[in-house]
């Protein structure tokens, strides 16, 4: 069966790249001893179970890290509350489960199977913000002005209770006027008004970031489609209005978290994206489209170029976005020492950005959660600055390894689908070039492979025609030759 074969390949790929596909015995023993905490308010923990909380995630997601709610204020500002699952309450620092999470640092989402950072009994049950369940959470409470600025904020602990588990696609279709409200939205009084209010505030947050140079890119990922365990397609998973709503709130909440730790005198782990090292190639790319960018990296100018191209040539914008993403490079984790700040995130146009909103899936978020709780309790930071530096470096490395595993298994899946199309011609775009080779991406199905003949003179963003030369499912190799 395709899914079983891909799962075996994923396990092998993880081991080869220093990731652990299985939980060690000590972690499983600890898991057996855990039970759901009694989420009682008091002692600095607020009771917010009466608020109309809801989650929006992928249709098949079961590890729910966040809930959101909007509260209208008399002065016109709107409070946006983001509740983040309290994972630390069951996964204490230094325990076997924590040691395993610190080793992998992330859940690995392969085309065949998700290898979770924490066991599913935790991530989809005991520490998941499931519908109709009382849960402990860290709440990021933000007052948003008419222009999308955060005019006031607070961070505290609370007991919350989700009233609606919703999915991106159905919520987006309803917000866009393409479908009726999802059943759960119709069933829970007040949720429809909630979501429309949240959508309006998310638009203001996005507009403010756009004015500062936040890059509005379109880089959809392909999700595998299995029928009775057999791979039948790689379907593009596009951005939509509901995904952007949650993304806008998480970016704002991560900024508030970073500034909260800064005010508390605590160091923190930040997510950083440097100014692009290959800016000169981005300048050349803009010139090829008849536009001029400044000689030094400028996110506002880059976003203006992207916006004009989205409007002028929407059919080509996905390829352009992919090219720019490749030229921007990858983000990394870095320590912001108290009082010194950090470089910021070029693509999001924010200077304060800590990962904090997905502690079931990412280890930096769990570390940040422990820092927040220590600051709230008046305790010393649970990690020294040098220790945070080591963690940040390791998380960057392991995230890169996880991305390579995910990419390899996507290629193995694509190789399966392309196995009977050797010799066929495709339109392609160059997505990577280094001393190891030149890579291109084709669509229908979405697949990335190496150009083994005729790659001379190609650079990221170039478009060409290629012929499929060979595939190797086991190694995730797809080879093309230039026509």
Protein backbone atom coordinates (compact mmCIF):
# COMPACT_ATOMS: atom_id res chain seq x y z
CA UNK A 1 0.00 0.00 0.00
CA UNK A 2 1.32 3.48 -0.85
CA UNK A 3 0.66 4.96 2.59
CA UNK A 4 2.43 2.13 4.40
CA UNK A 5 5.40 2.38 2.03
CA UNK A 6 5.62 6.16 2.48
CA UNK A 7 5.37 5.80 6.26
CA UNK A 8 8.30 3.39 6.28
CA UNK A 9 10.31 5.79 4.12
CA UNK A 10 9.45 8.66 6.47
CA UNK A 11 10.63 6.75 9.53
CA UNK A 12 13.91 5.92 7.83
CA UNK A 13 14.39 9.51 6.66
CA UNK A 14 13.83 10.83 10.19
CA UNK A 15 16.41 8.48 11.66
CA UNK A 16 18.94 9.43 8.99
CA UNK A 17 18.51 13.11 9.88
CA UNK A 18 18.76 12.73 13.65
CA UNK A 19 15.04 12.80 14.45
CA UNK A 20 13.25 10.25 16.63
CA UNK A 21 10.11 8.77 15.04
CA UNK A 22 9.17 6.84 18.18
CA UNK A 23 8.76 7.84 21.81
CA UNK A 24 11.30 6.27 24.20
CA UNK A 25 10.12 3.90 26.90
CA UNK A 26 10.71 6.43 29.68
CA UNK A 27 8.45 8.96 27.95
CA UNK A 28 5.70 6.37 27.47
CA UNK A 29 6.00 5.36 31.14
CA UNK A 30 5.58 9.00 32.15
CA UNK A 31 2.56 9.28 29.84
CA UNK A 32 0.85 6.38 31.61
CA UNK A 33 1.12 8.23 34.92
CA UNK A 34 -0.54 11.41 33.65
CA UNK A 35 -4.14 12.38 34.12
CA UNK A 36 -6.09 15.45 33.16
CA UNK A 37 -5.41 18.35 35.55
CA UNK A 38 -8.33 19.85 37.41
CA UNK A 39 -8.57 23.32 35.84
CA UNK A 40 -9.73 25.30 38.87
CA UNK A 41 -9.78 29.13 38.80
CA UNK A 42 -8.13 31.08 41.60
CA UNK A 43 -4.58 31.90 42.64
CA UNK A 44 -3.95 34.07 39.60
CA UNK A 45 -5.96 31.82 37.23
CA UNK A 46 -9.02 33.60 35.83
CA UNK A 47 -12.32 31.91 35.00
CA UNK A 48 -13.15 32.68 31.36
CA UNK A 49 -15.24 29.64 30.56
CA UNK A 50 -18.29 31.79 29.85
CA UNK A 51 -16.70 33.52 26.85
CA UNK A 52 -17.68 32.30 23.35
CA UNK A 53 -14.31 30.73 22.53
CA UNK A 54 -13.83 28.85 19.25
CA UNK A 55 -11.01 27.15 17.36
CA UNK A 56 -10.39 27.22 13.61
CA UNK A 57 -7.93 24.73 12.17
CA UNK A 58 -7.50 22.20 9.37
CA UNK A 59 -10.42 19.85 8.79
CA UNK A 60 -8.45 16.89 10.16
CA UNK A 61 -6.56 18.67 12.99
CA UNK A 62 -6.99 17.24 16.46
CA UNK A 63 -4.11 18.97 18.28
CA UNK A 64 -5.79 22.30 19.03
CA UNK A 65 -3.36 24.83 20.47
CA UNK A 66 -5.41 28.03 20.27
CA UNK A 67 -8.84 29.48 20.85
CA UNK A 68 -9.91 33.02 19.99
CA UNK A 69 -12.62 35.42 21.08
CA UNK A 70 -13.42 39.10 20.44
CA UNK A 71 -14.89 41.52 22.98
CA UNK A 72 -16.23 44.92 21.94
CA UNK A 73 -15.20 47.79 24.22
CA UNK A 74 -17.22 50.97 24.88
CA UNK A 75 -14.46 53.22 23.48
CA UNK A 76 -14.49 51.57 20.06
CA UNK A 77 -11.45 49.37 20.51
CA UNK A 78 -11.94 45.62 20.28
CA UNK A 79 -10.21 43.17 22.58
CA UNK A 80 -8.89 40.05 20.90
CA UNK A 81 -8.14 37.21 23.28
CA UNK A 82 -5.98 34.28 22.20
CA UNK A 83 -5.98 31.28 24.56
CA UNK A 84 -2.95 29.01 24.22
CA UNK A 85 -3.00 25.47 25.59
CA UNK A 86 -1.06 25.09 28.86
CA UNK A 87 1.15 22.16 27.89
CA UNK A 88 3.74 22.77 30.59
CA UNK A 89 1.21 21.84 33.28
CA UNK A 90 1.60 18.17 32.23
CA UNK A 91 4.99 18.20 30.48
CA UNK A 92 7.33 19.50 33.16
CA UNK A 93 10.81 20.71 32.30
CA UNK A 94 13.43 17.95 32.34
CA UNK A 95 10.97 15.03 32.36
CA UNK A 96 11.27 12.23 29.75
CA UNK A 97 8.47 13.68 27.61
CA UNK A 98 10.18 17.07 27.68
CA UNK A 99 13.55 15.51 26.80
CA UNK A 100 12.01 13.84 23.73
CA UNK A 101 10.29 17.08 22.71
CA UNK A 102 13.59 18.92 23.13
CA UNK A 103 15.31 16.36 20.90
CA UNK A 104 12.92 16.60 17.93
CA UNK A 105 11.74 20.18 18.69
CA UNK A 106 8.79 19.92 16.30
CA UNK A 107 6.06 17.67 14.99
CA UNK A 108 6.99 16.29 11.58
CA UNK A 109 4.21 16.46 9.00
CA UNK A 110 5.04 13.99 6.25
CA UNK A 111 2.83 13.08 3.30
CA UNK A 112 2.12 9.70 4.88
CA UNK A 113 1.90 10.32 8.62
CA UNK A 114 2.29 12.96 11.30
CA UNK A 115 5.04 12.19 13.81
CA UNK A 116 3.93 14.34 16.77
CA UNK A 117 6.35 16.07 19.12
CA UNK A 118 4.17 14.92 22.03
CA UNK A 119 2.11 11.71 22.24
CA UNK A 120 -1.40 12.03 20.85
CA UNK A 121 -2.93 11.31 24.24
CA UNK A 122 -1.49 14.69 25.23
CA UNK A 123 -1.56 16.73 22.03
CA UNK A 124 -5.04 15.68 20.90
CA UNK A 125 -6.62 15.11 24.31
CA UNK A 126 -5.22 16.20 27.67
CA UNK A 127 -3.43 19.34 26.43
CA UNK A 128 -5.66 20.08 23.44
CA UNK A 129 -8.27 22.85 23.67
CA UNK A 130 -11.07 20.51 22.65
CA UNK A 131 -14.67 21.54 22.29
CA UNK A 132 -16.77 21.37 25.49
CA UNK A 133 -13.74 20.64 27.70
CA UNK A 134 -12.44 22.83 30.54
CA UNK A 135 -8.76 23.56 29.93
CA UNK A 136 -5.96 25.60 31.47
CA UNK A 137 -4.52 28.18 29.13
CA UNK A 138 -2.21 31.15 28.78
CA UNK A 139 -4.31 34.06 27.48
CA UNK A 140 -2.86 36.88 25.40
CA UNK A 141 -5.33 39.78 25.76
CA UNK A 142 -4.95 42.57 23.17
CA UNK A 143 -6.87 45.81 22.64
CA UNK A 144 -6.84 46.64 18.93
CA UNK A 145 -7.37 50.20 17.72
CA UNK A 146 -9.21 51.24 14.55
CA UNK A 147 -5.93 51.30 12.62
CA UNK A 148 -4.94 47.76 13.65
CA UNK A 149 -2.40 48.79 16.28
CA UNK A 150 -2.18 47.02 19.63
CA UNK A 151 -2.96 49.87 22.04
CA UNK A 152 -2.91 47.77 25.21
CA UNK A 153 -2.13 44.17 26.12
CA UNK A 154 -1.96 41.74 28.99
CA UNK A 155 -0.89 38.13 29.52
CA UNK A 156 -2.38 35.89 32.21
CA UNK A 157 -3.52 32.37 33.04
CA UNK A 158 -7.13 31.29 32.75
CA UNK A 159 -9.55 28.38 32.55
CA UNK A 160 -11.28 28.31 29.16
CA UNK A 161 -13.89 26.18 27.41
CA UNK A 162 -14.27 25.96 23.63
CA UNK A 163 -17.81 26.27 22.31
CA UNK A 164 -17.06 25.50 18.67
CA UNK A 165 -14.44 23.44 16.83
CA UNK A 166 -14.41 24.89 13.32
CA UNK A 167 -12.48 24.24 10.11
CA UNK A 168 -10.70 26.68 7.81
CA UNK A 169 -12.36 25.75 4.53
CA UNK A 170 -15.98 25.88 5.68
CA UNK A 171 -15.50 29.09 7.67
CA UNK A 172 -13.71 30.75 4.73
CA UNK A 173 -16.43 29.75 2.29
CA UNK A 174 -19.05 31.27 4.61
CA UNK A 175 -17.08 34.49 5.21
CA UNK A 176 -16.63 34.86 1.44
CA UNK A 177 -20.37 34.37 0.86
CA UNK A 178 -19.88 31.13 -1.05
CA UNK A 179 -21.67 28.85 1.44
CA UNK A 180 -23.95 28.81 4.45
CA UNK A 181 -22.50 29.14 7.92
CA UNK A 182 -21.03 25.87 9.23
CA UNK A 183 -23.41 23.82 11.35
CA UNK A 184 -21.60 24.58 14.61
CA UNK A 185 -21.69 28.33 13.86
CA UNK A 186 -25.46 28.11 13.43
CA UNK A 187 -25.85 25.97 16.55
CA UNK A 188 -24.03 28.23 19.04
CA UNK A 189 -25.62 31.63 19.74
CA UNK A 190 -23.24 34.52 19.20
CA UNK A 191 -20.53 32.64 17.28
CA UNK A 192 -21.58 34.08 13.92
CA UNK A 193 -21.22 37.64 15.24
CA UNK A 194 -17.94 36.63 16.89
CA UNK A 195 -16.38 35.38 13.69
CA UNK A 196 -17.46 38.38 11.63
CA UNK A 197 -16.03 40.71 14.28
CA UNK A 198 -12.79 38.71 14.42
CA UNK A 199 -12.57 38.78 10.62
CA UNK A 200 -12.94 42.58 10.60
CA UNK A 201 -10.21 43.06 13.20
CA UNK A 202 -7.90 40.61 11.42
CA UNK A 203 -8.22 42.72 8.27
CA UNK A 204 -7.07 45.82 10.17
CA UNK A 205 -4.09 43.95 11.65
CA UNK A 206 -3.09 42.75 8.18
CA UNK A 207 -3.49 46.23 6.66
CA UNK A 208 -1.25 47.80 9.29
CA UNK A 209 1.47 45.19 8.73
CA UNK A 210 1.15 45.68 4.97
CA UNK A 211 1.81 49.40 5.40
CA UNK A 212 5.05 48.47 7.15
CA UNK A 213 6.16 46.04 4.43
CA UNK A 214 4.69 42.68 5.40
CA UNK A 215 4.98 40.45 2.33
CA UNK A 216 1.71 39.06 0.97
CA UNK A 217 2.86 35.89 -0.76
CA UNK A 218 1.00 32.89 -2.15
CA UNK A 219 2.85 29.61 -1.61
CA UNK A 220 0.27 26.82 -1.22
CA UNK A 221 1.44 23.38 -0.17
CA UNK A 222 0.31 20.10 -1.68
CA UNK A 223 -1.57 17.75 0.63
CA UNK A 224 -1.71 14.01 -0.15
CA UNK A 225 -5.02 12.37 -0.97
CA UNK A 226 -5.32 8.69 -0.03
CA UNK A 227 -8.16 6.32 -0.91
CA UNK A 228 -8.05 3.12 1.14
CA UNK A 229 -4.35 3.65 1.73
CA UNK A 230 -3.52 4.26 -1.95
CA UNK A 231 -2.12 7.66 -2.96
CA UNK A 232 -4.33 9.17 -5.67
CA UNK A 233 -3.35 12.85 -5.78
CA UNK A 234 -1.35 15.72 -4.30
CA UNK A 235 -3.93 18.47 -3.89
CA UNK A 236 -2.91 22.09 -3.49
CA UNK A 237 -3.99 23.52 -0.14
CA UNK A 238 -4.58 27.22 -0.84
CA UNK A 239 -4.62 30.13 1.59
CA UNK A 240 -8.05 31.41 2.51
CA UNK A 241 -9.70 34.07 4.62
CA UNK A 242 -10.08 31.90 7.74
CA UNK A 243 -6.42 30.83 7.65
CA UNK A 244 -5.37 34.46 7.32
CA UNK A 245 -7.64 35.43 10.23
CA UNK A 246 -5.91 32.99 12.57
CA UNK A 247 -2.48 33.85 11.17
CA UNK A 248 -3.04 37.57 11.79
CA UNK A 249 -4.06 36.93 15.40
CA UNK A 250 -1.13 34.60 16.05
CA UNK A 251 1.37 37.13 14.68
CA UNK A 252 -0.09 39.81 16.95
CA UNK A 253 -0.12 37.47 19.97
CA UNK A 254 3.49 36.44 19.36
CA UNK A 255 4.47 40.10 19.31
CA UNK A 256 2.69 40.77 22.60
CA UNK A 257 4.41 37.73 24.14
CA UNK A 258 7.85 38.96 23.08
CA UNK A 259 7.22 42.42 24.52
CA UNK A 260 5.77 40.97 27.74
CA UNK A 261 8.94 38.97 28.39
CA UNK A 262 11.05 42.02 27.51
CA UNK A 263 9.14 44.15 30.06
CA UNK A 264 9.55 41.37 32.62
CA UNK A 265 13.33 41.50 32.21
CA UNK A 266 13.41 37.97 30.77
CA UNK A 267 15.38 36.73 27.76
CA UNK A 268 13.36 35.03 25.07
CA UNK A 269 13.62 32.93 21.93
CA UNK A 270 12.59 34.93 18.88
CA UNK A 271 11.77 33.88 15.35
CA UNK A 272 14.02 35.86 13.01
CA UNK A 273 14.13 36.23 9.24
CA UNK A 274 17.19 38.20 8.12
CA UNK A 275 17.18 40.66 5.25
CA UNK A 276 17.62 38.51 2.11
CA UNK A 277 21.21 37.70 1.18
CA UNK A 278 20.23 37.32 -2.48
CA UNK A 279 18.54 40.72 -2.71
CA UNK A 280 20.39 41.47 -5.96
CA UNK A 281 18.56 38.55 -7.62
CA UNK A 282 15.21 39.90 -6.34
CA UNK A 283 16.15 43.28 -7.87
CA UNK A 284 16.89 41.53 -11.19
CA UNK A 285 13.58 39.65 -10.96
CA UNK A 286 11.67 42.92 -10.52
CA UNK A 287 13.56 44.44 -13.46
CA UNK A 288 12.49 41.51 -15.63
CA UNK A 289 8.91 42.54 -14.80
CA UNK A 290 9.57 46.18 -15.66
CA UNK A 291 9.92 47.49 -12.10
CA UNK A 292 12.77 48.94 -10.05
CA UNK A 293 13.69 48.01 -6.50
CA UNK A 294 16.23 49.86 -4.35
CA UNK A 295 19.76 48.43 -4.15
CA UNK A 296 19.39 47.57 -0.44
CA UNK A 297 16.73 45.24 1.05
CA UNK A 298 13.42 47.08 1.44
CA UNK A 299 10.33 45.09 2.41
CA UNK A 300 7.90 47.96 1.66
CA UNK A 301 9.22 48.30 -1.88
CA UNK A 302 9.22 44.53 -2.35
CA UNK A 303 5.62 44.22 -1.18
CA UNK A 304 4.56 47.02 -3.54
CA UNK A 305 6.17 45.11 -6.42
CA UNK A 306 4.44 41.87 -5.37
CA UNK A 307 1.06 43.59 -5.03
CA UNK A 308 1.33 45.10 -8.51
CA UNK A 309 2.20 41.72 -9.98
CA UNK A 310 -0.66 39.99 -8.16
CA UNK A 311 -3.04 42.46 -9.78
CA UNK A 312 -1.44 42.56 -13.22
CA UNK A 313 -0.64 38.83 -13.63
CA UNK A 314 -2.63 36.79 -11.09
CA UNK A 315 -2.10 33.60 -13.09
CA UNK A 316 1.68 33.87 -12.56
CA UNK A 317 1.68 35.11 -8.98
CA UNK A 318 2.11 31.73 -7.34
CA UNK A 319 5.30 31.10 -9.32
CA UNK A 320 6.58 34.58 -8.48
CA UNK A 321 5.81 34.04 -4.79
CA UNK A 322 7.66 30.74 -4.76
CA UNK A 323 10.70 32.39 -6.33
CA UNK A 324 10.72 35.21 -3.78
CA UNK A 325 10.31 32.79 -0.88
CA UNK A 326 13.31 30.79 -2.07
CA UNK A 327 15.39 33.96 -2.39
CA UNK A 328 14.35 35.24 1.04
CA UNK A 329 15.82 32.16 2.70
CA UNK A 330 14.74 30.38 5.86
CA UNK A 331 13.90 31.81 9.25
CA UNK A 332 15.79 30.82 12.37
CA UNK A 333 15.55 31.02 16.14
CA UNK A 334 17.68 33.49 18.07
CA UNK A 335 17.91 34.66 21.67
CA UNK A 336 16.78 38.18 22.52
CA UNK A 337 18.59 39.18 25.69
CA UNK A 338 16.66 41.37 28.09
CA UNK A 339 16.98 45.01 27.11
CA UNK A 340 18.71 44.32 23.79
CA UNK A 341 15.89 43.25 21.46
CA UNK A 342 16.43 41.24 18.28
CA UNK A 343 16.68 41.71 14.53
CA UNK A 344 13.03 41.01 13.75
CA UNK A 345 11.27 39.24 10.90
CA UNK A 346 11.80 40.73 7.42
CA UNK A 347 8.86 38.94 5.80
CA UNK A 348 6.30 39.84 8.48
CA UNK A 349 7.68 43.36 9.00
CA UNK A 350 7.69 42.96 12.78
CA UNK A 351 10.54 43.59 15.18
CA UNK A 352 9.23 41.57 18.16
CA UNK A 353 8.23 38.02 17.29
CA UNK A 354 8.40 35.05 19.66
CA UNK A 355 6.90 31.67 18.79
CA UNK A 356 4.42 30.96 21.59
CA UNK A 357 1.09 29.87 20.11
CA UNK A 358 1.70 26.16 19.29
CA UNK A 359 3.24 24.45 22.36
CA UNK A 360 1.83 21.03 21.41
CA UNK A 361 3.71 21.14 18.10
CA UNK A 362 6.85 23.27 18.59
CA UNK A 363 9.39 23.13 21.40
CA UNK A 364 10.32 26.87 21.30
CA UNK A 365 6.67 27.62 22.12
CA UNK A 366 6.81 25.31 25.15
CA UNK A 367 10.01 27.01 26.33
CA UNK A 368 8.35 30.41 25.88
CA UNK A 369 5.35 29.22 27.87
CA UNK A 370 7.59 28.31 30.81
CA UNK A 371 9.20 31.74 30.66
CA UNK A 372 5.78 33.41 30.68
CA UNK A 373 4.57 31.40 33.67
CA UNK A 374 7.75 32.16 35.61
CA UNK A 375 7.34 35.88 34.88
CA UNK A 376 3.69 35.78 35.97
CA UNK A 377 4.61 33.97 39.20
CA UNK A 378 7.55 36.27 40.00
CA UNK A 379 10.02 33.40 39.73
CA UNK A 380 13.47 33.52 38.08
CA UNK A 381 13.68 32.53 34.44
CA UNK A 382 13.76 28.71 34.16
CA UNK A 383 16.48 28.91 31.49
CA UNK A 384 19.78 30.79 31.51
CA UNK A 385 20.57 32.99 28.49
CA UNK A 386 23.34 30.65 27.31
CA UNK A 387 20.99 27.69 27.64
CA UNK A 388 18.36 29.49 25.55
CA UNK A 389 21.03 30.16 22.92
CA UNK A 390 21.81 26.45 22.70
CA UNK A 391 18.10 25.60 22.50
CA UNK A 392 17.54 28.19 19.75
CA UNK A 393 20.40 26.85 17.66
CA UNK A 394 19.23 23.24 18.10
CA UNK A 395 15.62 24.13 17.23
CA UNK A 396 16.76 25.82 14.02
CA UNK A 397 18.81 22.77 13.08
CA UNK A 398 16.05 20.26 13.85
CA UNK A 399 13.40 22.33 12.13
CA UNK A 400 15.60 22.28 9.03
CA UNK A 401 15.97 18.50 9.33
CA UNK A 402 12.20 18.10 9.72
CA UNK A 403 11.59 20.27 6.65
CA UNK A 404 14.01 18.12 4.65
CA UNK A 405 12.21 14.95 5.74
CA UNK A 406 8.84 16.44 4.82
CA UNK A 407 10.19 17.59 1.44
CA UNK A 408 11.76 14.18 0.75
CA UNK A 409 8.53 12.30 1.47
CA UNK A 410 6.52 14.77 -0.63
CA UNK A 411 8.96 13.99 -3.44
CA UNK A 412 8.56 10.25 -2.85
CA UNK A 413 4.79 10.70 -3.06
CA UNK A 414 5.14 12.74 -6.24
CA UNK A 415 7.51 10.14 -7.67
CA UNK A 416 4.81 7.52 -7.10
CA UNK A 417 2.31 9.59 -9.05
CA UNK A 418 4.80 10.34 -11.84
CA UNK A 419 6.10 6.79 -12.18
CA UNK A 420 4.19 6.10 -15.41
CA UNK A 421 4.94 9.49 -17.02
CA UNK A 422 8.64 9.10 -17.88
CA UNK A 423 9.33 11.10 -21.04
CA UNK A 424 6.41 13.53 -20.58
CA UNK A 425 7.07 17.26 -20.93
CA UNK A 426 6.19 19.84 -18.26
CA UNK A 427 6.33 23.59 -17.73
CA UNK A 428 8.61 24.34 -14.79
CA UNK A 429 10.11 27.12 -12.69
CA UNK A 430 13.57 27.07 -11.11
CA UNK A 431 13.22 26.97 -7.32
CA UNK A 432 16.81 26.41 -6.21
CA UNK A 433 20.39 26.59 -7.41
CA UNK A 434 23.62 25.82 -5.57
CA UNK A 435 26.80 23.82 -5.97
CA UNK A 436 24.82 20.60 -5.51
CA UNK A 437 22.48 21.21 -8.42
CA UNK A 438 19.51 23.08 -9.89
CA UNK A 439 15.93 22.31 -8.91
CA UNK A 440 12.63 23.01 -10.62
CA UNK A 441 8.98 22.74 -9.69
CA UNK A 442 6.18 21.46 -11.92
CA UNK A 443 2.44 21.27 -11.34
CA UNK A 444 -0.21 18.60 -11.97
CA UNK A 445 0.93 16.97 -9.81
CA UNK A 446 2.89 19.46 -7.75
CA UNK A 447 6.45 18.11 -7.71
CA UNK A 448 10.00 19.37 -7.31
CA UNK A 449 12.98 17.68 -8.90
CA UNK A 450 16.56 18.18 -10.06
CA UNK A 451 17.61 19.21 -13.56
CA UNK A 452 20.25 16.63 -14.51
CA UNK A 453 20.86 17.88 -18.05
CA UNK A 454 20.71 21.41 -19.48
CA UNK A 455 20.89 23.32 -16.21
CA UNK A 456 23.68 25.65 -17.29
CA UNK A 457 22.84 29.32 -16.88
CA UNK A 458 19.61 28.79 -14.98
CA UNK A 459 18.77 30.76 -11.83
CA UNK A 460 15.94 30.92 -9.34
CA UNK A 461 12.77 32.24 -10.97
CA UNK A 462 13.61 31.20 -14.54
CA UNK A 463 10.83 29.41 -16.43
CA UNK A 464 11.50 26.57 -18.83
CA UNK A 465 10.21 23.33 -20.32
CA UNK A 466 11.53 20.05 -18.98
CA UNK A 467 11.14 16.35 -19.71
CA UNK A 468 10.76 13.79 -16.91
CA UNK A 469 13.86 11.60 -17.11
CA UNK A 470 13.52 9.24 -14.13
CA UNK A 471 12.09 8.79 -10.63
CA UNK A 472 13.30 6.97 -7.52
CA UNK A 473 10.51 6.60 -4.99
CA UNK A 474 12.71 5.23 -2.19
CA UNK A 475 15.09 8.19 -2.27
CA UNK A 476 12.54 10.81 -3.28
CA UNK A 477 14.43 11.61 -6.47
CA UNK A 478 12.71 13.17 -9.49
CA UNK A 479 15.07 13.98 -12.36
CA UNK A 480 14.30 16.27 -15.29
CA UNK A 481 16.20 17.31 -18.36
CA UNK A 482 15.83 20.68 -20.03
CA UNK A 483 14.05 20.87 -23.36
